[in-house]
Amino acid sequence: MTPALPVMSDETVTAIALAAARGDSDARERFVRALQLDVRRFVTYLARDAQAADDLTQDTFLRALASLHRFEGRSSARIWLLSIARRVVADSLRRTAVRPRIADVADWQGAAEYSQPTGLPGFDEGIAVMQLVGTLPADRREAFLLTQLLGLSYAEVASLTGCPVGTVRSRVSRARAFLTQCLADAAATPGSVGALVAA
């Protein structure tokens, strides 16, 4: 397992991207390494398909590196890259919607669940929370994940999604309220975490 890289500031990542745009090959590698985890997390939750995350991440970087020479630093490189990731996921969802999915086993969902580690502390609760996040409307889920998982500011998410900052705040607030209420309800009912996981 490779050690986690320290989180770089937006200014540093943008400076690296600008150097890469000028042809610095070392900067291109540092740009990918600095943002790879953010992109992978974002596409995983946006697409709601962990199996496709590596391909979506790779597609995002392929598109970004192909157009990096046009990056001028008017927004942070992180926001620029996540906007590309958003389009990659949207394109992938459109392609997937028009072709059927084929599984090698009759119960592919069960096989995927059995292959996951269990018995870890907080495992069931983590699954329950992510299932609840998955039930959020797409716009609230995206705003919640970008701010709470990737740590982007409301202004950055507004720039990325093309909506006002107040709308982003409202979406995150409603997502939090929904998740908090669901978890409070689950805590008040014995055995309900298991029920949430099974739902």
N, C-alpha and C. Protein backbone atom coordinates (compact mmCIF):
# COMPACT_ATOMS: atom_id res chain seq x y z
N MET A 1 0.85 -1.18 0.00
CA MET A 1 0.00 0.00 0.00
C MET A 1 0.89 1.24 0.00
N THR A 2 0.60 2.19 -0.89
CA THR A 2 1.41 3.39 -0.95
C THR A 2 0.94 4.36 0.12
N PRO A 3 1.88 5.12 0.73
CA PRO A 3 1.48 6.06 1.77
C PRO A 3 0.63 7.18 1.19
N ALA A 4 -0.30 7.69 2.00
CA ALA A 4 -1.17 8.77 1.55
C ALA A 4 -0.35 10.04 1.35
N LEU A 5 -0.65 10.72 0.26
CA LEU A 5 0.04 11.98 -0.02
C LEU A 5 -0.60 13.09 0.80
N PRO A 6 0.18 14.07 1.24
CA PRO A 6 -0.41 15.18 1.97
C PRO A 6 -1.35 15.96 1.06
N VAL A 7 -2.41 16.48 1.63
CA VAL A 7 -3.37 17.26 0.85
C VAL A 7 -2.72 18.58 0.48
N MET A 8 -2.76 18.90 -0.80
CA MET A 8 -2.16 20.15 -1.28
C MET A 8 -3.21 21.24 -1.35
N SER A 9 -2.81 22.47 -1.10
CA SER A 9 -3.73 23.59 -1.21
C SER A 9 -4.11 23.80 -2.66
N ASP A 10 -5.25 24.46 -2.87
CA ASP A 10 -5.69 24.74 -4.24
C ASP A 10 -4.66 25.58 -4.99
N GLU A 11 -4.02 26.51 -4.28
CA GLU A 11 -3.02 27.35 -4.94
C GLU A 11 -1.84 26.52 -5.44
N THR A 12 -1.40 25.57 -4.62
CA THR A 12 -0.27 24.72 -5.01
C THR A 12 -0.64 23.84 -6.19
N VAL A 13 -1.82 23.22 -6.12
CA VAL A 13 -2.26 22.34 -7.21
C VAL A 13 -2.42 23.14 -8.50
N THR A 14 -2.96 24.34 -8.40
CA THR A 14 -3.14 25.18 -9.59
C THR A 14 -1.79 25.58 -10.18
N ALA A 15 -0.82 25.89 -9.33
CA ALA A 15 0.52 26.22 -9.81
C ALA A 15 1.14 25.02 -10.53
N ILE A 16 0.94 23.83 -9.98
CA ILE A 16 1.45 22.62 -10.62
C ILE A 16 0.78 22.41 -11.98
N ALA A 17 -0.53 22.63 -12.03
CA ALA A 17 -1.27 22.46 -13.29
C ALA A 17 -0.79 23.46 -14.34
N LEU A 18 -0.53 24.67 -13.93
CA LEU A 18 -0.04 25.68 -14.88
C LEU A 18 1.34 25.31 -15.40
N ALA A 19 2.18 24.76 -14.52
CA ALA A 19 3.51 24.30 -14.96
C ALA A 19 3.35 23.14 -15.94
N ALA A 20 2.43 22.24 -15.64
CA ALA A 20 2.17 21.12 -16.55
C ALA A 20 1.63 21.60 -17.88
N ALA A 21 0.81 22.64 -17.85
CA ALA A 21 0.25 23.20 -19.09
C ALA A 21 1.36 23.78 -19.97
N ARG A 22 2.44 24.22 -19.33
CA ARG A 22 3.58 24.77 -20.09
C ARG A 22 4.53 23.68 -20.57
N GLY A 23 4.19 22.39 -20.27
CA GLY A 23 4.99 21.30 -20.80
C GLY A 23 5.89 20.59 -19.80
N ASP A 24 5.81 20.93 -18.54
CA ASP A 24 6.63 20.29 -17.52
C ASP A 24 6.08 18.89 -17.22
N SER A 25 6.79 17.84 -17.66
CA SER A 25 6.28 16.47 -17.50
C SER A 25 6.25 16.04 -16.04
N ASP A 26 7.20 16.50 -15.22
CA ASP A 26 7.16 16.18 -13.79
C ASP A 26 5.92 16.79 -13.14
N ALA A 27 5.57 17.99 -13.56
CA ALA A 27 4.38 18.66 -13.02
C ALA A 27 3.12 17.89 -13.40
N ARG A 28 3.11 17.32 -14.61
CA ARG A 28 1.94 16.52 -15.01
C ARG A 28 1.75 15.34 -14.06
N GLU A 29 2.82 14.66 -13.73
CA GLU A 29 2.73 13.52 -12.80
C GLU A 29 2.29 13.97 -11.41
N ARG A 30 2.84 15.08 -10.93
CA ARG A 30 2.46 15.59 -9.61
C ARG A 30 1.00 16.03 -9.60
N PHE A 31 0.53 16.60 -10.69
CA PHE A 31 -0.87 17.02 -10.82
C PHE A 31 -1.80 15.81 -10.67
N VAL A 32 -1.48 14.73 -11.37
CA VAL A 32 -2.30 13.52 -11.30
C VAL A 32 -2.27 12.94 -9.89
N ARG A 33 -1.08 12.83 -9.31
CA ARG A 33 -0.97 12.25 -7.96
C ARG A 33 -1.71 13.10 -6.92
N ALA A 34 -1.64 14.42 -7.07
CA ALA A 34 -2.26 15.31 -6.08
C ALA A 34 -3.78 15.21 -6.07
N LEU A 35 -4.37 14.95 -7.23
CA LEU A 35 -5.84 14.99 -7.31
C LEU A 35 -6.49 13.65 -7.60
N GLN A 36 -5.72 12.61 -7.73
CA GLN A 36 -6.27 11.31 -8.10
C GLN A 36 -7.30 10.80 -7.08
N LEU A 37 -7.01 10.92 -5.81
CA LEU A 37 -7.92 10.43 -4.79
C LEU A 37 -9.22 11.24 -4.77
N ASP A 38 -9.11 12.56 -4.90
CA ASP A 38 -10.32 13.41 -4.95
C ASP A 38 -11.21 13.01 -6.12
N VAL A 39 -10.61 12.83 -7.28
CA VAL A 39 -11.39 12.47 -8.47
C VAL A 39 -12.03 11.10 -8.28
N ARG A 40 -11.27 10.16 -7.76
CA ARG A 40 -11.82 8.81 -7.59
C ARG A 40 -12.99 8.81 -6.62
N ARG A 41 -12.86 9.51 -5.51
CA ARG A 41 -13.97 9.60 -4.56
C ARG A 41 -15.20 10.23 -5.21
N PHE A 42 -14.97 11.32 -5.93
CA PHE A 42 -16.07 12.05 -6.54
C PHE A 42 -16.80 11.18 -7.56
N VAL A 43 -16.07 10.55 -8.46
CA VAL A 43 -16.74 9.75 -9.50
C VAL A 43 -17.41 8.52 -8.91
N THR A 44 -16.83 7.96 -7.85
CA THR A 44 -17.43 6.78 -7.22
C THR A 44 -18.81 7.11 -6.68
N TYR A 45 -18.90 8.21 -5.96
CA TYR A 45 -20.19 8.56 -5.36
C TYR A 45 -21.15 9.19 -6.36
N LEU A 46 -20.63 9.91 -7.31
CA LEU A 46 -21.52 10.53 -8.30
C LEU A 46 -22.13 9.47 -9.20
N ALA A 47 -21.32 8.50 -9.62
CA ALA A 47 -21.81 7.45 -10.50
C ALA A 47 -22.52 6.35 -9.72
N ARG A 48 -22.27 6.29 -8.41
CA ARG A 48 -22.84 5.24 -7.55
C ARG A 48 -22.45 3.86 -8.07
N ASP A 49 -21.19 3.75 -8.54
CA ASP A 49 -20.71 2.49 -9.09
C ASP A 49 -19.21 2.37 -8.80
N ALA A 50 -18.88 1.71 -7.69
CA ALA A 50 -17.47 1.57 -7.30
C ALA A 50 -16.70 0.77 -8.33
N GLN A 51 -17.37 -0.15 -9.04
CA GLN A 51 -16.70 -0.97 -10.05
C GLN A 51 -16.15 -0.11 -11.20
N ALA A 52 -16.86 0.95 -11.52
CA ALA A 52 -16.46 1.79 -12.66
C ALA A 52 -15.53 2.93 -12.26
N ALA A 53 -15.23 3.08 -10.98
CA ALA A 53 -14.49 4.25 -10.50
C ALA A 53 -13.12 4.39 -11.15
N ASP A 54 -12.39 3.29 -11.28
CA ASP A 54 -11.05 3.38 -11.88
C ASP A 54 -11.12 3.85 -13.33
N ASP A 55 -12.06 3.30 -14.09
CA ASP A 55 -12.21 3.70 -15.49
C ASP A 55 -12.62 5.17 -15.59
N LEU A 56 -13.55 5.58 -14.75
CA LEU A 56 -14.01 6.98 -14.79
C LEU A 56 -12.89 7.93 -14.38
N THR A 57 -12.10 7.53 -13.40
CA THR A 57 -10.96 8.35 -12.98
C THR A 57 -9.95 8.47 -14.11
N GLN A 58 -9.66 7.35 -14.74
CA GLN A 58 -8.71 7.36 -15.85
C GLN A 58 -9.23 8.23 -17.01
N ASP A 59 -10.52 8.08 -17.34
CA ASP A 59 -11.10 8.90 -18.41
C ASP A 59 -11.02 10.38 -18.08
N THR A 60 -11.24 10.71 -16.81
CA THR A 60 -11.17 12.11 -16.39
C THR A 60 -9.77 12.66 -16.63
N PHE A 61 -8.76 11.93 -16.21
CA PHE A 61 -7.39 12.42 -16.38
C PHE A 61 -6.97 12.43 -17.84
N LEU A 62 -7.45 11.48 -18.62
CA LEU A 62 -7.13 11.50 -20.05
C LEU A 62 -7.68 12.76 -20.71
N ARG A 63 -8.93 13.08 -20.39
CA ARG A 63 -9.52 14.31 -20.95
C ARG A 63 -8.79 15.55 -20.44
N ALA A 64 -8.49 15.56 -19.14
CA ALA A 64 -7.85 16.74 -18.55
C ALA A 64 -6.46 16.95 -19.13
N LEU A 65 -5.67 15.89 -19.22
CA LEU A 65 -4.31 16.04 -19.74
C LEU A 65 -4.31 16.43 -21.21
N ALA A 66 -5.31 15.96 -21.95
CA ALA A 66 -5.40 16.33 -23.37
C ALA A 66 -5.73 17.81 -23.55
N SER A 67 -6.43 18.39 -22.57
CA SER A 67 -6.79 19.81 -22.71
C SER A 67 -6.05 20.70 -21.72
N LEU A 68 -5.07 20.15 -21.03
CA LEU A 68 -4.33 20.91 -20.02
C LEU A 68 -3.64 22.14 -20.61
N HIS A 69 -3.24 22.06 -21.87
CA HIS A 69 -2.56 23.21 -22.49
C HIS A 69 -3.46 24.44 -22.56
N ARG A 70 -4.79 24.22 -22.44
CA ARG A 70 -5.73 25.35 -22.49
C ARG A 70 -6.07 25.88 -21.09
N PHE A 71 -5.61 25.19 -20.04
CA PHE A 71 -5.91 25.62 -18.67
C PHE A 71 -5.14 26.91 -18.37
N GLU A 72 -5.87 27.95 -17.95
CA GLU A 72 -5.26 29.26 -17.70
C GLU A 72 -5.28 29.67 -16.24
N GLY A 73 -5.83 28.81 -15.37
CA GLY A 73 -5.84 29.13 -13.95
C GLY A 73 -6.89 30.13 -13.52
N ARG A 74 -7.95 30.32 -14.33
CA ARG A 74 -9.00 31.26 -13.94
C ARG A 74 -9.83 30.72 -12.77
N SER A 75 -9.88 29.41 -12.64
CA SER A 75 -10.45 28.77 -11.45
C SER A 75 -9.36 27.85 -10.91
N SER A 76 -9.58 27.27 -9.75
CA SER A 76 -8.56 26.36 -9.22
C SER A 76 -8.51 25.11 -10.11
N ALA A 77 -7.36 24.49 -10.16
CA ALA A 77 -7.20 23.28 -10.97
C ALA A 77 -8.09 22.17 -10.44
N ARG A 78 -8.32 22.13 -9.13
CA ARG A 78 -9.18 21.10 -8.54
C ARG A 78 -10.62 21.25 -9.07
N ILE A 79 -11.13 22.47 -9.08
CA ILE A 79 -12.49 22.72 -9.58
C ILE A 79 -12.56 22.40 -11.07
N TRP A 80 -11.55 22.83 -11.82
CA TRP A 80 -11.51 22.56 -13.26
C TRP A 80 -11.55 21.05 -13.51
N LEU A 81 -10.75 20.29 -12.76
CA LEU A 81 -10.68 18.84 -12.95
C LEU A 81 -11.98 18.16 -12.52
N LEU A 82 -12.57 18.60 -11.42
CA LEU A 82 -13.82 17.99 -10.97
C LEU A 82 -14.97 18.29 -11.94
N SER A 83 -14.92 19.43 -12.61
CA SER A 83 -15.95 19.70 -13.62
C SER A 83 -15.80 18.75 -14.80
N ILE A 84 -14.56 18.40 -15.14
CA ILE A 84 -14.33 17.40 -16.19
C ILE A 84 -14.84 16.04 -15.71
N ALA A 85 -14.55 15.69 -14.46
CA ALA A 85 -15.01 14.42 -13.90
C ALA A 85 -16.53 14.34 -13.94
N ARG A 86 -17.17 15.44 -13.65
CA ARG A 86 -18.65 15.48 -13.67
C ARG A 86 -19.17 15.16 -15.07
N ARG A 87 -18.54 15.74 -16.09
CA ARG A 87 -18.96 15.47 -17.47
C ARG A 87 -18.67 14.03 -17.87
N VAL A 88 -17.54 13.49 -17.40
CA VAL A 88 -17.18 12.09 -17.69
C VAL A 88 -18.25 11.16 -17.12
N VAL A 89 -18.65 11.41 -15.88
CA VAL A 89 -19.69 10.57 -15.26
C VAL A 89 -21.00 10.71 -16.01
N ALA A 90 -21.38 11.94 -16.35
CA ALA A 90 -22.63 12.14 -17.09
C ALA A 90 -22.61 11.40 -18.42
N ASP A 91 -21.50 11.48 -19.13
CA ASP A 91 -21.38 10.76 -20.41
C ASP A 91 -21.47 9.26 -20.19
N SER A 92 -20.83 8.77 -19.13
CA SER A 92 -20.85 7.33 -18.83
C SER A 92 -22.27 6.87 -18.49
N LEU A 93 -22.99 7.66 -17.71
CA LEU A 93 -24.36 7.30 -17.34
C LEU A 93 -25.26 7.28 -18.57
N ARG A 94 -25.04 8.23 -19.48
CA ARG A 94 -25.84 8.23 -20.73
C ARG A 94 -25.55 6.98 -21.56
N ARG A 95 -24.27 6.61 -21.67
CA ARG A 95 -23.92 5.40 -22.43
C ARG A 95 -24.49 4.15 -21.78
N THR A 96 -24.39 4.07 -20.45
CA THR A 96 -24.88 2.90 -19.73
C THR A 96 -26.39 2.77 -19.84
N ALA A 97 -27.08 3.89 -19.88
CA ALA A 97 -28.55 3.85 -19.94
C ALA A 97 -29.06 3.23 -21.22
N VAL A 98 -28.26 3.26 -22.29
CA VAL A 98 -28.74 2.73 -23.56
C VAL A 98 -28.27 1.31 -23.85
N ARG A 99 -27.49 0.72 -22.93
CA ARG A 99 -27.10 -0.68 -23.16
C ARG A 99 -27.29 -1.48 -21.88
N PRO A 100 -27.74 -2.72 -22.01
CA PRO A 100 -27.99 -3.54 -20.84
C PRO A 100 -26.69 -3.97 -20.17
N ARG A 101 -26.77 -4.17 -18.84
CA ARG A 101 -25.62 -4.67 -18.09
C ARG A 101 -25.67 -6.18 -18.06
N ILE A 102 -24.52 -6.80 -18.22
CA ILE A 102 -24.43 -8.26 -18.23
C ILE A 102 -23.60 -8.69 -17.03
N ALA A 103 -24.10 -9.67 -16.29
CA ALA A 103 -23.36 -10.20 -15.15
C ALA A 103 -22.96 -11.64 -15.44
N ASP A 104 -21.76 -12.04 -14.96
CA ASP A 104 -21.27 -13.41 -15.16
C ASP A 104 -21.97 -14.42 -14.26
N VAL A 105 -22.59 -13.93 -13.19
CA VAL A 105 -23.26 -14.83 -12.26
C VAL A 105 -24.73 -14.43 -12.17
N ALA A 106 -25.56 -15.39 -11.77
CA ALA A 106 -26.99 -15.11 -11.68
C ALA A 106 -27.27 -14.04 -10.62
N ASP A 107 -26.61 -14.13 -9.48
CA ASP A 107 -26.83 -13.16 -8.40
C ASP A 107 -25.58 -12.29 -8.25
N TRP A 108 -25.37 -11.38 -9.18
CA TRP A 108 -24.17 -10.56 -9.16
C TRP A 108 -24.14 -9.64 -7.95
N GLN A 109 -25.31 -9.17 -7.49
CA GLN A 109 -25.35 -8.27 -6.35
C GLN A 109 -24.90 -9.01 -5.08
N GLY A 110 -25.41 -10.22 -4.90
CA GLY A 110 -25.02 -11.02 -3.75
C GLY A 110 -23.54 -11.35 -3.78
N ALA A 111 -23.02 -11.68 -4.96
CA ALA A 111 -21.60 -11.99 -5.09
C ALA A 111 -20.75 -10.78 -4.72
N ALA A 112 -21.16 -9.60 -5.12
CA ALA A 112 -20.41 -8.38 -4.78
C ALA A 112 -20.44 -8.13 -3.28
N GLU A 113 -21.61 -8.33 -2.67
CA GLU A 113 -21.73 -8.11 -1.23
C GLU A 113 -20.88 -9.10 -0.44
N TYR A 114 -20.87 -10.38 -0.86
CA TYR A 114 -20.09 -11.38 -0.14
C TYR A 114 -18.58 -11.15 -0.27
N SER A 115 -18.15 -10.47 -1.31
CA SER A 115 -16.72 -10.24 -1.50
C SER A 115 -16.19 -9.10 -0.66
N GLN A 116 -17.08 -8.34 -0.01
CA GLN A 116 -16.66 -7.19 0.80
C GLN A 116 -16.29 -7.64 2.21
N PRO A 117 -15.30 -6.99 2.85
CA PRO A 117 -14.94 -7.35 4.23
C PRO A 117 -16.06 -6.97 5.19
N THR A 118 -16.33 -7.81 6.15
CA THR A 118 -17.34 -7.52 7.15
C THR A 118 -16.74 -7.70 8.52
N GLY A 119 -17.52 -7.36 9.53
CA GLY A 119 -17.06 -7.54 10.90
C GLY A 119 -16.10 -6.46 11.37
N LEU A 120 -15.90 -5.43 10.57
CA LEU A 120 -15.01 -4.35 10.98
C LEU A 120 -15.81 -3.37 11.83
N PRO A 121 -15.16 -2.72 12.82
CA PRO A 121 -15.89 -1.75 13.65
C PRO A 121 -16.50 -0.65 12.78
N GLY A 122 -17.79 -0.40 12.97
CA GLY A 122 -18.47 0.65 12.21
C GLY A 122 -18.85 0.26 10.81
N PHE A 123 -18.59 -1.00 10.41
CA PHE A 123 -18.85 -1.43 9.04
C PHE A 123 -20.33 -1.27 8.68
N ASP A 124 -21.21 -1.83 9.53
CA ASP A 124 -22.65 -1.75 9.24
C ASP A 124 -23.14 -0.31 9.21
N GLU A 125 -22.67 0.49 10.15
CA GLU A 125 -23.09 1.89 10.20
C GLU A 125 -22.62 2.64 8.96
N GLY A 126 -21.40 2.34 8.52
CA GLY A 126 -20.88 3.00 7.31
C GLY A 126 -21.70 2.65 6.09
N ILE A 127 -22.08 1.38 5.98
CA ILE A 127 -22.93 0.97 4.85
C ILE A 127 -24.27 1.68 4.92
N ALA A 128 -24.84 1.73 6.13
CA ALA A 128 -26.14 2.37 6.30
C ALA A 128 -26.08 3.84 5.90
N VAL A 129 -25.03 4.54 6.34
CA VAL A 129 -24.91 5.96 6.00
C VAL A 129 -24.77 6.14 4.49
N MET A 130 -23.91 5.32 3.85
CA MET A 130 -23.73 5.48 2.41
C MET A 130 -25.00 5.13 1.64
N GLN A 131 -25.78 4.15 2.15
CA GLN A 131 -27.06 3.86 1.51
C GLN A 131 -28.01 5.04 1.65
N LEU A 132 -28.00 5.68 2.81
CA LEU A 132 -28.84 6.86 3.00
C LEU A 132 -28.38 8.00 2.08
N VAL A 133 -27.07 8.19 1.97
CA VAL A 133 -26.56 9.23 1.06
C VAL A 133 -27.01 8.92 -0.36
N GLY A 134 -27.02 7.65 -0.71
CA GLY A 134 -27.45 7.24 -2.05
C GLY A 134 -28.91 7.53 -2.33
N THR A 135 -29.73 7.69 -1.27
CA THR A 135 -31.15 7.98 -1.48
C THR A 135 -31.43 9.47 -1.64
N LEU A 136 -30.44 10.30 -1.38
CA LEU A 136 -30.63 11.74 -1.55
C LEU A 136 -30.88 12.06 -3.02
N PRO A 137 -31.67 13.08 -3.31
CA PRO A 137 -31.79 13.54 -4.70
C PRO A 137 -30.39 13.88 -5.24
N ALA A 138 -30.19 13.70 -6.52
CA ALA A 138 -28.86 13.83 -7.12
C ALA A 138 -28.19 15.16 -6.81
N ASP A 139 -28.94 16.27 -6.87
CA ASP A 139 -28.31 17.57 -6.64
C ASP A 139 -27.86 17.73 -5.19
N ARG A 140 -28.65 17.21 -4.24
CA ARG A 140 -28.26 17.28 -2.83
C ARG A 140 -27.10 16.34 -2.55
N ARG A 141 -27.14 15.15 -3.14
CA ARG A 141 -26.05 14.19 -2.94
C ARG A 141 -24.73 14.77 -3.44
N GLU A 142 -24.77 15.37 -4.62
CA GLU A 142 -23.54 15.93 -5.19
C GLU A 142 -22.99 17.05 -4.31
N ALA A 143 -23.85 17.97 -3.87
CA ALA A 143 -23.41 19.08 -3.02
C ALA A 143 -22.86 18.57 -1.70
N PHE A 144 -23.54 17.58 -1.12
CA PHE A 144 -23.11 17.00 0.16
C PHE A 144 -21.74 16.34 0.02
N LEU A 145 -21.57 15.53 -1.01
CA LEU A 145 -20.31 14.81 -1.19
C LEU A 145 -19.15 15.76 -1.50
N LEU A 146 -19.41 16.76 -2.33
CA LEU A 146 -18.33 17.69 -2.67
C LEU A 146 -17.87 18.49 -1.46
N THR A 147 -18.82 18.90 -0.60
CA THR A 147 -18.43 19.70 0.56
C THR A 147 -17.97 18.84 1.73
N GLN A 148 -18.67 17.74 2.01
CA GLN A 148 -18.38 16.96 3.20
C GLN A 148 -17.32 15.89 2.98
N LEU A 149 -17.28 15.31 1.79
CA LEU A 149 -16.29 14.26 1.54
C LEU A 149 -15.00 14.84 0.95
N LEU A 150 -15.15 15.72 -0.05
CA LEU A 150 -13.96 16.27 -0.70
C LEU A 150 -13.49 17.58 -0.08
N GLY A 151 -14.32 18.17 0.77
CA GLY A 151 -13.91 19.37 1.50
C GLY A 151 -13.88 20.65 0.68
N LEU A 152 -14.63 20.69 -0.42
CA LEU A 152 -14.67 21.92 -1.20
C LEU A 152 -15.54 22.96 -0.49
N SER A 153 -15.26 24.22 -0.72
CA SER A 153 -16.07 25.28 -0.12
C SER A 153 -17.38 25.40 -0.89
N TYR A 154 -18.34 26.07 -0.29
CA TYR A 154 -19.63 26.29 -0.96
C TYR A 154 -19.42 27.06 -2.26
N ALA A 155 -18.52 28.04 -2.23
CA ALA A 155 -18.26 28.85 -3.43
C ALA A 155 -17.67 27.98 -4.54
N GLU A 156 -16.76 27.08 -4.18
CA GLU A 156 -16.17 26.20 -5.18
C GLU A 156 -17.21 25.26 -5.79
N VAL A 157 -18.09 24.74 -4.95
CA VAL A 157 -19.15 23.85 -5.46
C VAL A 157 -20.11 24.64 -6.34
N ALA A 158 -20.40 25.87 -5.96
CA ALA A 158 -21.27 26.72 -6.78
C ALA A 158 -20.65 26.93 -8.16
N SER A 159 -19.35 27.19 -8.18
CA SER A 159 -18.65 27.38 -9.46
C SER A 159 -18.66 26.10 -10.29
N LEU A 160 -18.46 24.97 -9.63
CA LEU A 160 -18.42 23.68 -10.32
C LEU A 160 -19.77 23.30 -10.89
N THR A 161 -20.84 23.52 -10.12
CA THR A 161 -22.17 23.07 -10.54
C THR A 161 -22.97 24.13 -11.28
N GLY A 162 -22.48 25.36 -11.26
CA GLY A 162 -23.17 26.42 -12.00
C GLY A 162 -24.45 26.91 -11.32
N CYS A 163 -24.49 26.84 -10.00
CA CYS A 163 -25.67 27.36 -9.30
C CYS A 163 -25.20 28.31 -8.19
N PRO A 164 -26.11 29.14 -7.67
CA PRO A 164 -25.71 30.11 -6.64
C PRO A 164 -25.23 29.44 -5.35
N VAL A 165 -24.38 30.15 -4.62
CA VAL A 165 -23.85 29.65 -3.36
C VAL A 165 -24.99 29.32 -2.39
N GLY A 166 -26.01 30.16 -2.36
CA GLY A 166 -27.15 29.93 -1.47
C GLY A 166 -27.85 28.61 -1.78
N THR A 167 -27.91 28.26 -3.04
CA THR A 167 -28.53 26.99 -3.43
C THR A 167 -27.69 25.82 -2.93
N VAL A 168 -26.36 25.94 -3.05
CA VAL A 168 -25.47 24.89 -2.55
C VAL A 168 -25.65 24.74 -1.04
N ARG A 169 -25.67 25.87 -0.32
CA ARG A 169 -25.87 25.82 1.14
C ARG A 169 -27.19 25.12 1.48
N SER A 170 -28.23 25.47 0.76
CA SER A 170 -29.55 24.88 1.01
C SER A 170 -29.52 23.37 0.76
N ARG A 171 -28.89 22.95 -0.34
CA ARG A 171 -28.82 21.52 -0.66
C ARG A 171 -28.06 20.74 0.41
N VAL A 172 -26.93 21.30 0.86
CA VAL A 172 -26.14 20.63 1.89
C VAL A 172 -26.92 20.59 3.20
N SER A 173 -27.56 21.68 3.54
CA SER A 173 -28.34 21.74 4.77
C SER A 173 -29.47 20.73 4.76
N ARG A 174 -30.18 20.63 3.66
CA ARG A 174 -31.28 19.67 3.56
C ARG A 174 -30.76 18.23 3.59
N ALA A 175 -29.62 17.99 2.95
CA ALA A 175 -29.03 16.65 2.98
C ALA A 175 -28.65 16.28 4.40
N ARG A 176 -28.00 17.22 5.11
CA ARG A 176 -27.61 16.96 6.50
C ARG A 176 -28.83 16.69 7.38
N ALA A 177 -29.86 17.52 7.21
CA ALA A 177 -31.07 17.36 8.02
C ALA A 177 -31.70 15.99 7.78
N PHE A 178 -31.76 15.57 6.52
CA PHE A 178 -32.33 14.27 6.19
C PHE A 178 -31.52 13.14 6.81
N LEU A 179 -30.20 13.18 6.65
CA LEU A 179 -29.34 12.13 7.19
C LEU A 179 -29.39 12.10 8.71
N THR A 180 -29.37 13.27 9.32
CA THR A 180 -29.44 13.35 10.78
C THR A 180 -30.74 12.75 11.30
N GLN A 181 -31.84 13.08 10.65
CA GLN A 181 -33.14 12.56 11.07
C GLN A 181 -33.20 11.05 10.90
N CYS A 182 -32.72 10.54 9.77
CA CYS A 182 -32.73 9.10 9.53
C CYS A 182 -31.88 8.36 10.56
N LEU A 183 -30.70 8.90 10.87
CA LEU A 183 -29.83 8.26 11.84
C LEU A 183 -30.41 8.35 13.26
N ALA A 184 -31.07 9.47 13.58
CA ALA A 184 -31.71 9.59 14.89
C ALA A 184 -32.85 8.59 15.01
N ASP A 185 -33.64 8.44 13.95
CA ASP A 185 -34.72 7.46 13.95
C ASP A 185 -34.16 6.05 14.11
N ALA A 186 -33.05 5.77 13.43
CA ALA A 186 -32.43 4.44 13.51
C ALA A 186 -31.90 4.18 14.91
N ALA A 187 -31.31 5.19 15.54
CA ALA A 187 -30.76 5.02 16.88
C ALA A 187 -31.86 4.78 17.91
N ALA A 188 -33.04 5.33 17.66
CA ALA A 188 -34.15 5.19 18.60
C ALA A 188 -34.84 3.83 18.49
N THR A 189 -34.57 3.11 17.41
CA THR A 189 -35.21 1.81 17.19
C THR A 189 -34.16 0.72 17.26
N PRO A 190 -34.24 -0.18 18.25
CA PRO A 190 -33.24 -1.25 18.37
C PRO A 190 -33.16 -2.10 17.09
N GLY A 191 -31.93 -2.37 16.67
CA GLY A 191 -31.73 -3.22 15.49
C GLY A 191 -31.98 -2.54 14.18
N SER A 192 -32.21 -1.22 14.19
CA SER A 192 -32.59 -0.57 12.93
C SER A 192 -31.40 -0.32 12.02
N VAL A 193 -30.17 -0.31 12.54
CA VAL A 193 -29.02 -0.16 11.64
C VAL A 193 -28.98 -1.35 10.69
N GLY A 194 -29.21 -2.55 11.24
CA GLY A 194 -29.26 -3.73 10.39
C GLY A 194 -30.38 -3.65 9.37
N ALA A 195 -31.50 -3.05 9.80
CA ALA A 195 -32.62 -2.89 8.87
C ALA A 195 -32.27 -1.92 7.76
N LEU A 196 -31.54 -0.85 8.12
CA LEU A 196 -31.12 0.11 7.09
C LEU A 196 -30.19 -0.57 6.09
N VAL A 197 -29.27 -1.40 6.59
CA VAL A 197 -28.33 -2.09 5.70
C VAL A 197 -29.08 -3.06 4.79
N ALA A 198 -30.08 -3.74 5.35
CA ALA A 198 -30.81 -4.73 4.56
C ALA A 198 -31.77 -4.08 3.58
N ALA A 199 -32.12 -2.81 3.82
CA ALA A 199 -33.13 -2.15 2.96
C ALA A 199 -32.64 -1.96 1.56
